[in-house]
PDB file of N, CA and C in Angstrom:
ATOM      1  N   MET A   1       3.165  -2.228 -21.090  1.00  0.00           N
ATOM      2  CA  MET A   1       1.430  -2.364 -20.638  1.00  0.00           C
ATOM      3  C   MET A   1       1.144  -0.777 -19.910  1.00  0.00           C
ATOM      4  N   SER A   2       0.729  -0.135 -19.401  1.00  0.00           N
ATOM      5  CA  SER A   2       0.559   1.631 -18.836  1.00  0.00           C
ATOM      6  C   SER A   2       0.799   0.469 -17.910  1.00  0.00           C
ATOM      7  N   MET A   3       0.281   2.002 -16.769  1.00  0.00           N
ATOM      8  CA  MET A   3       0.592   1.463 -15.579  1.00  0.00           C
ATOM      9  C   MET A   3      -0.887   1.621 -15.188  1.00  0.00           C
ATOM     10  N   GLU A   4      -2.255   2.301 -15.589  1.00  0.00           N
ATOM     11  CA  GLU A   4      -3.201   2.924 -15.625  1.00  0.00           C
ATOM     12  C   GLU A   4      -3.731   0.965 -15.843  1.00  0.00           C
ATOM     13  N   LYS A   5      -4.032  -0.051 -16.621  1.00  0.00           N
ATOM     14  CA  LYS A   5      -4.181  -0.931 -17.047  1.00  0.00           C
ATOM     15  C   LYS A   5      -3.707  -1.999 -15.985  1.00  0.00           C
ATOM     16  N   LEU A   6      -1.901  -2.030 -15.557  1.00  0.00           N
ATOM     17  CA  LEU A   6      -1.942  -2.336 -14.226  1.00  0.00           C
ATOM     18  C   LEU A   6      -2.091  -2.502 -13.663  1.00  0.00           C
ATOM     19  N   ILE A   7      -2.695  -1.516 -12.966  1.00  0.00           N
ATOM     20  CA  ILE A   7      -3.972  -0.736 -11.626  1.00  0.00           C
ATOM     21  C   ILE A   7      -4.963  -1.898 -11.866  1.00  0.00           C
ATOM     22  N   LYS A   8      -5.606  -1.808 -13.058  1.00  0.00           N
ATOM     23  CA  LYS A   8      -6.852  -2.217 -13.216  1.00  0.00           C
ATOM     24  C   LYS A   8      -7.204  -3.863 -12.645  1.00  0.00           C
ATOM     25  N   GLU A   9      -5.649  -3.986 -12.996  1.00  0.00           N
ATOM     26  CA  GLU A   9      -5.060  -6.249 -13.837  1.00  0.00           C
ATOM     27  C   GLU A   9      -5.789  -6.877 -12.115  1.00  0.00           C
ATOM     28  N   LEU A  10      -4.633  -5.729 -10.804  1.00  0.00           N
ATOM     29  CA  LEU A  10      -4.495  -5.659  -9.322  1.00  0.00           C
ATOM     30  C   LEU A  10      -4.989  -6.244  -8.716  1.00  0.00           C
ATOM     31  N   LYS A  11      -6.297  -4.675  -9.477  1.00  0.00           N
ATOM     32  CA  LYS A  11      -7.916  -4.441  -8.104  1.00  0.00           C
ATOM     33  C   LYS A  11      -8.751  -5.641  -7.868  1.00  0.00           C
ATOM     34  N   GLN A  12      -8.316  -6.656  -9.086  1.00  0.00           N
ATOM     35  CA  GLN A  12      -9.010  -7.882  -9.958  1.00  0.00           C
ATOM     36  C   GLN A  12      -8.581  -9.930  -9.094  1.00  0.00           C
ATOM     37  N   PHE A  13      -7.514  -9.133  -8.004  1.00  0.00           N
ATOM     38  CA  PHE A  13      -6.541 -10.470  -7.711  1.00  0.00           C
ATOM     39  C   PHE A  13      -6.408  -9.530  -6.377  1.00  0.00           C
ATOM     40  N   VAL A  14      -6.653  -8.301  -5.831  1.00  0.00           N
ATOM     41  CA  VAL A  14      -5.708  -7.896  -4.755  1.00  0.00           C
ATOM     42  C   VAL A  14      -7.319  -6.979  -3.663  1.00  0.00           C
ATOM     43  N   THR A  15      -7.304  -7.330  -2.680  1.00  0.00           N
ATOM     44  CA  THR A  15      -8.082  -6.074  -2.301  1.00  0.00           C
ATOM     45  C   THR A  15      -7.889  -5.165  -1.557  1.00  0.00           C
ATOM     46  N   PHE A  16      -8.106  -4.374  -2.180  1.00  0.00           N
ATOM     47  CA  PHE A  16      -7.563  -2.678  -1.589  1.00  0.00           C
ATOM     48  C   PHE A  16      -7.595  -1.794  -0.763  1.00  0.00           C
ATOM     49  N   LYS A  17      -7.439  -1.246   0.333  1.00  0.00           N
ATOM     50  CA  LYS A  17      -8.194  -0.584   1.417  1.00  0.00           C
ATOM     51  C   LYS A  17      -8.177   0.853   0.997  1.00  0.00           C
ATOM     52  N   ASP A  18      -9.222   1.991   1.289  1.00  0.00           N
ATOM     53  CA  ASP A  18     -10.006   3.617   0.812  1.00  0.00           C
ATOM     54  C   ASP A  18      -8.313   4.205   1.856  1.00  0.00           C
ATOM     55  N   THR A  19      -8.077   3.402   2.893  1.00  0.00           N
ATOM     56  CA  THR A  19      -7.081   4.628   4.243  1.00  0.00           C
ATOM     57  C   THR A  19      -6.062   3.822   3.905  1.00  0.00           C
ATOM     58  N   THR A  20      -4.482   4.396   4.576  1.00  0.00           N
ATOM     59  CA  THR A  20      -3.722   3.866   4.329  1.00  0.00           C
ATOM     60  C   THR A  20      -3.123   4.544   6.126  1.00  0.00           C
ATOM     61  N   GLN A  21      -2.894   3.817   7.289  1.00  0.00           N
ATOM     62  CA  GLN A  21      -2.087   3.882   8.248  1.00  0.00           C
ATOM     63  C   GLN A  21      -1.175   2.534   9.059  1.00  0.00           C
ATOM     64  N   PRO A  22      -0.175   3.570  10.087  1.00  0.00           N
ATOM     65  CA  PRO A  22       0.667   2.884  10.021  1.00  0.00           C
ATOM     66  C   PRO A  22       0.469   1.311  10.342  1.00  0.00           C
ATOM     67  N   GLY A  23       1.485   0.665  10.915  1.00  0.00           N
ATOM     68  CA  GLY A  23       0.674  -0.944  10.900  1.00  0.00           C
ATOM     69  C   GLY A  23       0.659  -2.302   8.673  1.00  0.00           C
ATOM     70  N   ASP A  24      -0.422  -1.101   8.350  1.00  0.00           N
ATOM     71  CA  ASP A  24      -1.231  -1.968   7.066  1.00  0.00           C
ATOM     72  C   ASP A  24       0.529  -1.871   6.400  1.00  0.00           C
ATOM     73  N   LEU A  25       0.220  -2.828   5.457  1.00  0.00           N
ATOM     74  CA  LEU A  25       0.983  -3.127   4.521  1.00  0.00           C
ATOM     75  C   LEU A  25       0.509  -2.874   2.366  1.00  0.00           C
ATOM     76  N   VAL A  26       1.708  -1.997   2.809  1.00  0.00           N
ATOM     77  CA  VAL A  26       0.974  -1.218   1.448  1.00  0.00           C
ATOM     78  C   VAL A  26       1.451  -2.966  -0.304  1.00  0.00           C
ATOM     79  N   LEU A  27       0.712  -2.423  -1.321  1.00  0.00           N
ATOM     80  CA  LEU A  27       1.655  -2.847  -2.529  1.00  0.00           C
ATOM     81  C   LEU A  27       2.373  -1.463  -3.362  1.00  0.00           C
ATOM     82  N   LEU A  28       4.149  -1.396  -3.366  1.00  0.00           N
ATOM     83  CA  LEU A  28       4.434  -0.698  -3.877  1.00  0.00           C
ATOM     84  C   LEU A  28       4.894  -1.438  -5.899  1.00  0.00           C
ATOM     85  N   VAL A  29       3.994  -0.349  -7.159  1.00  0.00           N
ATOM     86  CA  VAL A  29       4.393  -0.660  -7.869  1.00  0.00           C
ATOM     87  C   VAL A  29       5.084   0.345  -8.512  1.00  0.00           C
ATOM     88  N   ALA A  30       5.659   0.210  -9.116  1.00  0.00           N
ATOM     89  CA  ALA A  30       7.139   0.505 -10.000  1.00  0.00           C
ATOM     90  C   ALA A  30       7.087   0.327 -11.802  1.00  0.00           C
ATOM     91  N   LYS A  31       6.564   1.159 -12.663  1.00  0.00           N
ATOM     92  CA  LYS A  31       7.100   0.225 -13.802  1.00  0.00           C
ATOM     93  C   LYS A  31       9.417   0.473 -13.711  1.00  0.00           C
ATOM     94  N   GLU A  32       9.904   1.434 -13.767  1.00  0.00           N
ATOM     95  CA  GLU A  32      11.466   1.259 -13.478  1.00  0.00           C
ATOM     96  C   GLU A  32      11.693   2.191 -12.852  1.00  0.00           C
ATOM     97  N   PRO A  33      12.299   1.108 -12.181  1.00  0.00           N
ATOM     98  CA  PRO A  33      12.937   0.089 -12.034  1.00  0.00           C
ATOM     99  C   PRO A  33      11.188  -1.054 -12.013  1.00  0.00           C
ATOM    100  N   GLN A  34      11.043  -2.122 -11.907  1.00  0.00           N
ATOM    101  CA  GLN A  34      10.425  -2.389 -12.370  1.00  0.00           C
ATOM    102  C   GLN A  34      10.123  -3.188 -11.506  1.00  0.00           C
ATOM    103  N   MET A  35       9.007  -2.960 -10.823  1.00  0.00           N
ATOM    104  CA  MET A  35       9.246  -3.384  -8.362  1.00  0.00           C
ATOM    105  C   MET A  35       7.226  -3.810  -8.764  1.00  0.00           C
ATOM    106  N   LEU A  36       6.918  -4.162  -7.883  1.00  0.00           N
ATOM    107  CA  LEU A  36       5.338  -5.531  -6.943  1.00  0.00           C
ATOM    108  C   LEU A  36       6.152  -5.730  -6.186  1.00  0.00           C
ATOM    109  N   THR A  37       6.060  -4.413  -4.315  1.00  0.00           N
ATOM    110  CA  THR A  37       6.364  -5.997  -3.724  1.00  0.00           C
ATOM    111  C   THR A  37       5.288  -5.234  -2.358  1.00  0.00           C
ATOM    112  N   TYR A  38       5.745  -5.869  -1.191  1.00  0.00           N
ATOM    113  CA  TYR A  38       5.203  -5.149   0.132  1.00  0.00           C
ATOM    114  C   TYR A  38       6.011  -4.288   0.015  1.00  0.00           C
ATOM    115  N   ALA A  39       5.048  -4.395   1.948  1.00  0.00           N
ATOM    116  CA  ALA A  39       5.851  -2.317   2.723  1.00  0.00           C
ATOM    117  C   ALA A  39       5.023  -2.004   3.674  1.00  0.00           C
ATOM    118  N   LEU A  40       4.780  -2.889   4.949  1.00  0.00           N
ATOM    119  CA  LEU A  40       5.046  -2.275   6.365  1.00  0.00           C
ATOM    120  C   LEU A  40       4.808  -0.668   6.559  1.00  0.00           C
ATOM    121  N   VAL A  41       4.381  -0.036   6.700  1.00  0.00           N
ATOM    122  CA  VAL A  41       4.423   1.051   6.748  1.00  0.00           C
ATOM    123  C   VAL A  41       4.300   1.116   8.553  1.00  0.00           C
ATOM    124  N   THR A  42       5.197   1.914   8.615  1.00  0.00           N
ATOM    125  CA  THR A  42       5.825   2.064  10.414  1.00  0.00           C
ATOM    126  C   THR A  42       5.907   3.717  10.700  1.00  0.00           C
ATOM    127  N   GLY A  43       4.814   4.565   9.830  1.00  0.00           N
ATOM    128  CA  GLY A  43       4.713   5.583  10.350  1.00  0.00           C
ATOM    129  C   GLY A  43       4.584   6.630   8.695  1.00  0.00           C
ATOM    130  N   ILE A  44       3.807   7.854   9.678  1.00  0.00           N
ATOM    131  CA  ILE A  44       3.456   8.761   8.952  1.00  0.00           C
ATOM    132  C   ILE A  44       3.234  10.071   9.548  1.00  0.00           C
ATOM    133  N   GLU A  45       4.740  10.657   9.054  1.00  0.00           N
ATOM    134  CA  GLU A  45       4.861  11.928   9.482  1.00  0.00           C
ATOM    135  C   GLU A  45       4.085  12.648   8.451  1.00  0.00           C
ATOM    136  N   ARG A  46       3.847  14.181   9.308  1.00  0.00           N
ATOM    137  CA  ARG A  46       3.623  15.173   8.366  1.00  0.00           C
ATOM    138  C   ARG A  46       5.574  16.407   7.991  1.00  0.00           C
ATOM    139  N   ASP A  47       5.046  16.396   6.831  1.00  0.00           N
ATOM    140  CA  ASP A  47       6.564  17.036   6.126  1.00  0.00           C
ATOM    141  C   ASP A  47       5.952  18.460   6.564  1.00  0.00           C
ATOM    142  N   ARG A  48       6.685  19.484   7.240  1.00  0.00           N
ATOM    143  CA  ARG A  48       6.520  20.664   7.744  1.00  0.00           C
ATOM    144  C   ARG A  48       7.101  22.070   7.324  1.00  0.00           C
ATOM    145  N   SER A  49       8.522  21.565   6.473  1.00  0.00           N
ATOM    146  CA  SER A  49       8.667  21.936   5.930  1.00  0.00           C
ATOM    147  C   SER A  49       8.571  22.713   4.050  1.00  0.00           C
ATOM    148  N   ARG A  50       7.507  22.057   4.156  1.00  0.00           N
ATOM    149  CA  ARG A  50       6.123  22.509   3.383  1.00  0.00           C
ATOM    150  C   ARG A  50       5.448  22.930   3.268  1.00  0.00           C
ATOM    151  N   LYS A  51       4.753  23.990   2.563  1.00  0.00           N
ATOM    152  CA  LYS A  51       3.838  23.905   2.886  1.00  0.00           C
ATOM    153  C   LYS A  51       2.354  23.492   2.203  1.00  0.00           C
ATOM    154  N   ASP A  52       2.186  22.838   1.684  1.00  0.00           N
ATOM    155  CA  ASP A  52       1.439  22.486   1.507  1.00  0.00           C
ATOM    156  C   ASP A  52       1.947  20.986   2.106  1.00  0.00           C
ATOM    157  N   GLU A  53      -0.056  20.095   2.288  1.00  0.00           N
ATOM    158  CA  GLU A  53       0.236  18.409   2.701  1.00  0.00           C
ATOM    159  C   GLU A  53       1.195  17.926   2.692  1.00  0.00           C
ATOM    160  N   TRP A  54       2.071  17.462   2.353  1.00  0.00           N
ATOM    161  CA  TRP A  54       3.023  16.514   2.534  1.00  0.00           C
ATOM    162  C   TRP A  54       3.271  15.546   3.319  1.00  0.00           C
ATOM    163  N   TRP A  55       3.394  14.126   3.227  1.00  0.00           N
ATOM    164  CA  TRP A  55       3.676  13.331   4.160  1.00  0.00           C
ATOM    165  C   TRP A  55       4.840  12.755   3.923  1.00  0.00           C
ATOM    166  N   HIS A  56       5.380  12.068   5.443  1.00  0.00           N
ATOM    167  CA  HIS A  56       6.605  11.696   5.034  1.00  0.00           C
ATOM    168  C   HIS A  56       5.902  10.017   4.932  1.00  0.00           C
ATOM    169  N   LEU A  57       6.144   9.233   4.052  1.00  0.00           N
ATOM    170  CA  LEU A  57       6.177   7.827   4.667  1.00  0.00           C
ATOM    171  C   LEU A  57       6.399   6.379   4.534  1.00  0.00           C
ATOM    172  N   LYS A  58       6.693   6.427   6.063  1.00  0.00           N
ATOM    173  CA  LYS A  58       8.032   5.602   6.537  1.00  0.00           C
ATOM    174  C   LYS A  58       7.569   4.073   6.542  1.00  0.00           C
ATOM    175  N   MET A  59       8.338   3.226   5.658  1.00  0.00           N
ATOM    176  CA  MET A  59       7.500   1.496   5.049  1.00  0.00           C
ATOM    177  C   MET A  59       9.566   1.056   5.721  1.00  0.00           C
ATOM    178  N   GLN A  60       9.088  -1.038   5.691  1.00  0.00           N
ATOM    179  CA  GLN A  60      10.281  -1.970   5.127  1.00  0.00           C
ATOM    180  C   GLN A  60      10.106  -2.132   4.814  1.00  0.00           C
ATOM    181  N   VAL A  61      10.151  -2.327   3.507  1.00  0.00           N
ATOM    182  CA  VAL A  61      10.019  -3.227   2.506  1.00  0.00           C
ATOM    183  C   VAL A  61      10.264  -4.639   2.586  1.00  0.00           C
ATOM    184  N   LEU A  62       9.558  -5.272   2.132  1.00  0.00           N
ATOM    185  CA  LEU A  62       9.475  -6.362   2.803  1.00  0.00           C
ATOM    186  C   LEU A  62      10.651  -7.870   1.896  1.00  0.00           C
ATOM    187  N   SER A  63      11.371  -7.296   2.318  1.00  0.00           N
ATOM    188  CA  SER A  63      12.584  -7.800   1.569  1.00  0.00           C
ATOM    189  C   SER A  63      13.784  -9.128   2.411  1.00  0.00           C
ATOM    190  N   ILE A  64      15.016  -9.169   1.599  1.00  0.00           N
ATOM    191  CA  ILE A  64      15.627 -10.204   2.736  1.00  0.00           C
ATOM    192  C   ILE A  64      16.378  -9.975   2.386  1.00  0.00           C
ATOM    193  N   PRO A  65      17.404  -8.677   2.942  1.00  0.00           N
ATOM    194  CA  PRO A  65      16.952  -8.148   4.805  1.00  0.00           C
ATOM    195  C   PRO A  65      15.792  -6.896   3.420  1.00  0.00           C
ATOM    196  N   PRO A  66      14.910  -7.233   5.051  1.00  0.00           N
ATOM    197  CA  PRO A  66      13.851  -5.853   5.101  1.00  0.00           C
ATOM    198  C   PRO A  66      15.317  -4.340   4.684  1.00  0.00           C
ATOM    199  N   GLN A  67      14.414  -4.137   3.883  1.00  0.00           N
ATOM    200  CA  GLN A  67      14.659  -1.877   4.039  1.00  0.00           C
ATOM    201  C   GLN A  67      13.993  -1.510   4.974  1.00  0.00           C
ATOM    202  N   PRO A  68      14.396  -0.525   5.178  1.00  0.00           N
ATOM    203  CA  PRO A  68      14.261   0.957   5.356  1.00  0.00           C
ATOM    204  C   PRO A  68      13.240   1.806   4.136  1.00  0.00           C
ATOM    205  N   MET A  69      12.657   2.082   4.602  1.00  0.00           N
ATOM    206  CA  MET A  69      12.378   3.460   2.833  1.00  0.00           C
ATOM    207  C   MET A  69      11.982   4.816   3.132  1.00  0.00           C
ATOM    208  N   THR A  70      11.891   5.321   2.585  1.00  0.00           N
ATOM    209  CA  THR A  70      11.297   6.417   3.221  1.00  0.00           C
ATOM    210  C   THR A  70      10.538   7.871   2.186  1.00  0.00           C
ATOM    211  N   TRP A  71       9.950   8.037   1.487  1.00  0.00           N
ATOM    212  CA  TRP A  71       8.502   7.938   0.719  1.00  0.00           C
ATOM    213  C   TRP A  71       7.567   9.506   1.223  1.00  0.00           C
ATOM    214  N   THR A  72       8.221  10.237   0.360  1.00  0.00           N
ATOM    215  CA  THR A  72       7.338  11.846   0.566  1.00  0.00           C
ATOM    216  C   THR A  72       6.268  12.496  -0.346  1.00  0.00           C
ATOM    217  N   LEU A  73       5.235  12.473  -0.009  1.00  0.00           N
ATOM    218  CA  LEU A  73       4.324  12.033  -0.947  1.00  0.00           C
ATOM    219  C   LEU A  73       2.212  12.666   0.150  1.00  0.00           C
ATOM    220  N   ARG A  74       1.923  12.678  -0.385  1.00  0.00           N
ATOM    221  CA  ARG A  74       0.602  13.836  -0.742  1.00  0.00           C
ATOM    222  C   ARG A  74      -0.828  13.124  -0.726  1.00  0.00           C
ATOM    223  N   LYS A  75      -1.498  12.687   0.058  1.00  0.00           N
ATOM    224  CA  LYS A  75      -2.105  11.619   0.713  1.00  0.00           C
ATOM    225  C   LYS A  75      -2.592  11.118  -0.244  1.00  0.00           C
ATOM    226  N   GLU A  76      -3.694  11.895  -1.428  1.00  0.00           N
ATOM    227  CA  GLU A  76      -3.826  11.444  -2.456  1.00  0.00           C
ATOM    228  C   GLU A  76      -2.611  10.231  -3.089  1.00  0.00           C
ATOM    229  N   GLN A  77      -1.474  10.625  -2.877  1.00  0.00           N
ATOM    230  CA  GLN A  77      -0.492   9.385  -3.036  1.00  0.00           C
ATOM    231  C   GLN A  77      -1.085   8.143  -2.895  1.00  0.00           C
ATOM    232  N   PHE A  78      -0.236   8.816  -1.488  1.00  0.00           N
ATOM    233  CA  PHE A  78      -0.105   7.002  -0.853  1.00  0.00           C
ATOM    234  C   PHE A  78      -1.490   5.939  -0.622  1.00  0.00           C
ATOM    235  N   THR A  79      -2.689   6.237  -0.649  1.00  0.00           N
ATOM    236  CA  THR A  79      -3.629   6.415  -0.355  1.00  0.00           C
ATOM    237  C   THR A  79      -4.181   5.419  -1.962  1.00  0.00           C
ATOM    238  N   GLY A  80      -3.726   5.181  -2.797  1.00  0.00           N
ATOM    239  CA  GLY A  80      -3.993   4.784  -3.939  1.00  0.00           C
ATOM    240  C   GLY A  80      -4.873   5.823  -5.520  1.00  0.00           C
ATOM    241  N   GLN A  81      -4.712   6.674  -4.722  1.00  0.00           N
ATOM    242  CA  GLN A  81      -5.976   8.118  -5.214  1.00  0.00           C
ATOM    243  C   GLN A  81      -5.749   8.324  -6.899  1.00  0.00           C
ATOM    244  N   GLU A  82      -4.189   8.732  -6.694  1.00  0.00           N
ATOM    245  CA  GLU A  82      -3.487   8.636  -8.135  1.00  0.00           C
ATOM    246  C   GLU A  82      -1.660   7.546  -8.378  1.00  0.00           C
ATOM    247  N   ILE A  83      -1.938   7.995  -9.383  1.00  0.00           N
ATOM    248  CA  ILE A  83      -0.711   7.266  -9.201  1.00  0.00           C
ATOM    249  C   ILE A  83       0.236   8.720  -9.932  1.00  0.00           C
ATOM    250  N   PHE A  84       1.954   8.050  -9.451  1.00  0.00           N
ATOM    251  CA  PHE A  84       2.930   9.843  -9.599  1.00  0.00           C
ATOM    252  C   PHE A  84       3.609   9.440 -10.481  1.00  0.00           C
ATOM    253  N   THR A  85       4.518  10.393  -9.812  1.00  0.00           N
ATOM    254  CA  THR A  85       6.485   9.941  -9.989  1.00  0.00           C
ATOM    255  C   THR A  85       7.166  10.641  -9.651  1.00  0.00           C
ATOM    256  N   MET A  86       8.367   9.106  -9.403  1.00  0.00           N
ATOM    257  CA  MET A  86       9.019  10.111  -9.174  1.00  0.00           C
ATOM    258  C   MET A  86      10.460   9.411  -9.918  1.00  0.00           C
ATOM    259  N   GLY A  87      11.316  10.931  -9.552  1.00  0.00           N
ATOM    260  CA  GLY A  87      12.771  10.279 -10.828  1.00  0.00           C
ATOM    261  C   GLY A  87      12.046  10.653 -12.562  1.00  0.00           C
ATOM    262  N   GLY A  88      10.720  10.780 -12.404  1.00  0.00           N
ATOM    263  CA  GLY A  88      10.282  10.669 -13.961  1.00  0.00           C
ATOM    264  C   GLY A  88       9.581   9.580 -14.391  1.00  0.00           C
ATOM    265  N   GLU A  89       8.928   8.246 -13.401  1.00  0.00           N
ATOM    266  CA  GLU A  89       9.217   6.819 -13.572  1.00  0.00           C
ATOM    267  C   GLU A  89       7.911   7.069 -12.741  1.00  0.00           C
ATOM    268  N   GLU A  90       6.832   5.984 -13.360  1.00  0.00           N
ATOM    269  CA  GLU A  90       5.252   6.453 -11.983  1.00  0.00           C
ATOM    270  C   GLU A  90       5.573   5.373 -10.849  1.00  0.00           C
ATOM    271  N   ARG A  91       4.956   5.843 -10.462  1.00  0.00           N
ATOM    272  CA  ARG A  91       3.823   4.665  -8.997  1.00  0.00           C
ATOM    273  C   ARG A  91       3.207   4.457  -8.179  1.00  0.00           C
ATOM    274  N   PHE A  92       2.908   3.308  -7.748  1.00  0.00           N
ATOM    275  CA  PHE A  92       1.854   3.549  -7.530  1.00  0.00           C
ATOM    276  C   PHE A  92       1.529   2.490  -5.562  1.00  0.00           C
ATOM    277  N   VAL A  93       0.977   3.151  -5.042  1.00  0.00           N
ATOM    278  CA  VAL A  93       0.916   2.871  -3.152  1.00  0.00           C
ATOM    279  C   VAL A  93      -0.206   2.677  -3.107  1.00  0.00           C
ATOM    280  N   LYS A  94      -0.939   1.534  -2.134  1.00  0.00           N
ATOM    281  CA  LYS A  94      -2.147   1.633  -1.900  1.00  0.00           C
ATOM    282  C   LYS A  94      -2.001   0.289  -0.100  1.00  0.00           C
ATOM    283  N   ALA A  95      -2.723   0.571   0.815  1.00  0.00           N
ATOM    284  CA  ALA A  95      -2.498  -0.890   0.974  1.00  0.00           C
ATOM    285  C   ALA A  95      -3.663  -1.575   0.723  1.00  0.00           C
ATOM    286  N   VAL A  96      -2.741  -2.295   1.381  1.00  0.00           N
ATOM    287  CA  VAL A  96      -4.130  -3.788   1.084  1.00  0.00           C
ATOM    288  C   VAL A  96      -4.592  -4.820   2.264  1.00  0.00           C
ATOM    289  N   TYR A  97      -5.541  -5.543   1.623  1.00  0.00           N
ATOM    290  CA  TYR A  97      -6.769  -5.713   2.783  1.00  0.00           C
ATOM    291  C   TYR A  97      -6.315  -6.764   3.187  1.00  0.00           C
ATOM    292  N   PHE A  98      -5.547  -7.875   4.630  1.00  0.00           N
ATOM    293  CA  PHE A  98      -5.853  -9.317   4.421  1.00  0.00           C
ATOM    294  C   PHE A  98      -6.637  -8.913   4.715  1.00  0.00           C
ATOM    295  N   ASP A  99      -7.300 -10.448   4.725  1.00  0.00           N
ATOM    296  CA  ASP A  99      -8.696 -11.167   5.899  1.00  0.00           C
ATOM    297  C   ASP A  99      -9.081 -12.461   5.510  1.00  0.00           C
ATOM    298  N   SER A 100     -10.772 -12.255   5.167  1.00  0.00           N
ATOM    299  CA  SER A 100     -11.677 -13.390   4.614  1.00  0.00           C
ATOM    300  C   SER A 100     -11.751 -12.869   3.468  1.00  0.00           C
ATOM    301  N   GLY A 101     -10.748 -12.015   2.291  1.00  0.00           N
ATOM    302  CA  GLY A 101     -10.951 -11.687   0.985  1.00  0.00           C
ATOM    303  C   GLY A 101     -12.939 -10.848   0.659  1.00  0.00           C
ATOM    304  N   GLN A 102     -12.940 -10.647   2.045  1.00  0.00           N
ATOM    305  CA  GLN A 102     -14.358  -9.446   1.864  1.00  0.00           C
ATOM    306  C   GLN A 102     -13.604  -7.674   2.073  1.00  0.00           C
ATOM    307  N   GLU A 103     -14.141  -6.305   2.002  1.00  0.00           N
ATOM    308  CA  GLU A 103     -14.118  -6.028   2.178  1.00  0.00           C
ATOM    309  C   GLU A 103     -14.625  -5.406   3.731  1.00  0.00           C
ATOM    310  N   PRO A 104     -13.199  -5.090   4.738  1.00  0.00           N
ATOM    311  CA  PRO A 104     -13.716  -4.051   6.341  1.00  0.00           C
ATOM    312  C   PRO A 104     -15.316  -3.571   5.741  1.00  0.00           C
ATOM    313  N   GLY A 105     -15.910  -4.691   7.346  1.00  0.00           N
ATOM    314  CA  GLY A 105     -17.447  -3.538   7.679  1.00  0.00           C
ATOM    315  C   GLY A 105     -18.490  -4.531   6.574  1.00  0.00           C
ATOM    316  N   SER A 106     -17.912  -5.030   5.941  1.00  0.00           N
ATOM    317  CA  SER A 106     -18.962  -5.792   4.246  1.00  0.00           C
ATOM    318  C   SER A 106     -20.417  -6.184   4.860  1.00  0.00           C
ATOM    319  N   PRO A 107     -21.168  -6.939   5.092  1.00  0.00           N
ATOM    320  CA  PRO A 107     -21.421  -7.277   5.513  1.00  0.00           C
ATOM    321  C   PRO A 107     -21.390  -8.636   4.655  1.00  0.00           C
ATOM    322  N   ASN A 108     -21.161  -9.438   4.283  1.00  0.00           N
ATOM    323  CA  ASN A 108     -20.561  -9.923   4.284  1.00  0.00           C
ATOM    324  C   ASN A 108     -18.986 -10.677   5.024  1.00  0.00           C
ATOM    325  N   GLU A 109     -18.937  -9.788   5.363  1.00  0.00           N
ATOM    326  CA  GLU A 109     -17.247  -9.889   6.312  1.00  0.00           C
ATOM    327  C   GLU A 109     -18.175 -11.059   7.038  1.00  0.00           C
ATOM    328  N   LYS A 110     -16.663 -12.206   7.042  1.00  0.00           N
ATOM    329  CA  LYS A 110     -16.979 -13.917   8.454  1.00  0.00           C
ATOM    330  C   LYS A 110     -15.443 -12.890   9.271  1.00  0.00           C
ATOM    331  N   LYS A 111     -16.336 -13.161  11.221  1.00  0.00           N
ATOM    332  CA  LYS A 111     -15.523 -12.743  11.516  1.00  0.00           C
ATOM    333  C   LYS A 111     -14.748 -13.933  12.106  1.00  0.00           C
ATOM    334  N   LYS A 112     -13.674 -14.087  11.629  1.00  0.00           N
ATOM    335  CA  LYS A 112     -12.484 -14.927  12.653  1.00  0.00           C
ATOM    336  C   LYS A 112     -12.684 -15.410  13.867  1.00  0.00           C
ATOM    337  N   LYS A 113     -12.099 -15.573  14.553  1.00  0.00           N
ATOM    338  CA  LYS A 113     -11.874 -16.557  15.874  1.00  0.00           C
ATOM    339  C   LYS A 113     -10.264 -16.604  15.569  1.00  0.00           C
ATOM    340  N   PRO A 114      -9.841 -15.836  17.073  1.00  0.00           N
ATOM    341  CA  PRO A 114      -8.478 -15.781  17.099  1.00  0.00           C
ATOM    342  C   PRO A 114      -6.869 -17.314  17.160  1.00  0.00           C
ATOM    343  N   GLY A 115      -6.162 -17.334  16.490  1.00  0.00           N
ATOM    344  CA  GLY A 115      -5.953 -18.973  17.044  1.00  0.00           C
ATOM    345  C   GLY A 115      -5.661 -19.335  16.002  1.00  0.00           C
ATOM    346  N   LEU A 116      -5.405 -21.466  16.103  1.00  0.00           N
ATOM    347  CA  LEU A 116      -4.807 -21.991  15.289  1.00  0.00           C
ATOM    348  C   LEU A 116      -5.970 -22.408  15.549  1.00  0.00           C
ATOM    349  N   ARG A 117      -5.587 -22.639  13.671  1.00  0.00           N
ATOM    350  CA  ARG A 117      -6.648 -23.830  13.518  1.00  0.00           C
ATOM    351  C   ARG A 117      -6.271 -24.920  12.727  1.00  0.00           C
ATOM    352  N   ILE A 118      -6.653 -26.296  12.543  1.00  0.00           N
ATOM    353  CA  ILE A 118      -6.180 -27.971  12.273  1.00  0.00           C
ATOM    354  C   ILE A 118      -6.246 -27.347  11.157  1.00  0.00           C
ATOM    355  N   VAL A 119      -5.365 -28.399   9.787  1.00  0.00           N
ATOM    356  CA  VAL A 119      -5.860 -28.111   8.356  1.00  0.00           C
ATOM    357  C   VAL A 119      -5.464 -29.989   7.866  1.00  0.00           C
ATOM    358  N   LYS A 120      -6.607 -30.162   7.897  1.00  0.00           N
ATOM    359  CA  LYS A 120      -5.974 -31.773   6.780  1.00  0.00           C
ATOM    360  C   LYS A 120      -5.525 -32.292   4.966  1.00  0.00           C
TER     361      LYS A 120
END
């Protein structure tokens, strides 16, 4: 299956955000080694050693134990606007929206009260 087809299918099940910022959960997708996992974005810092705009995307992969990871990417890459390669293998990163299943700010977005609720 091509990466484009996989991402298209994922978009049917996952609500993605258009932006990525510290504190977001991102979905990491790779073909080789095969990977489909979440990571917490812990920082985004400009790579000043490069002429063009590149960023250090610092993450904690949500595994046991959590694994710190830093990828140096362009904004289009860490916001899911493009599929990119690392070591010749395709990768995809995009922040995921977790909540009511509605896009943030949409008219149908339900405002939830914080706290616990009883489920029977």
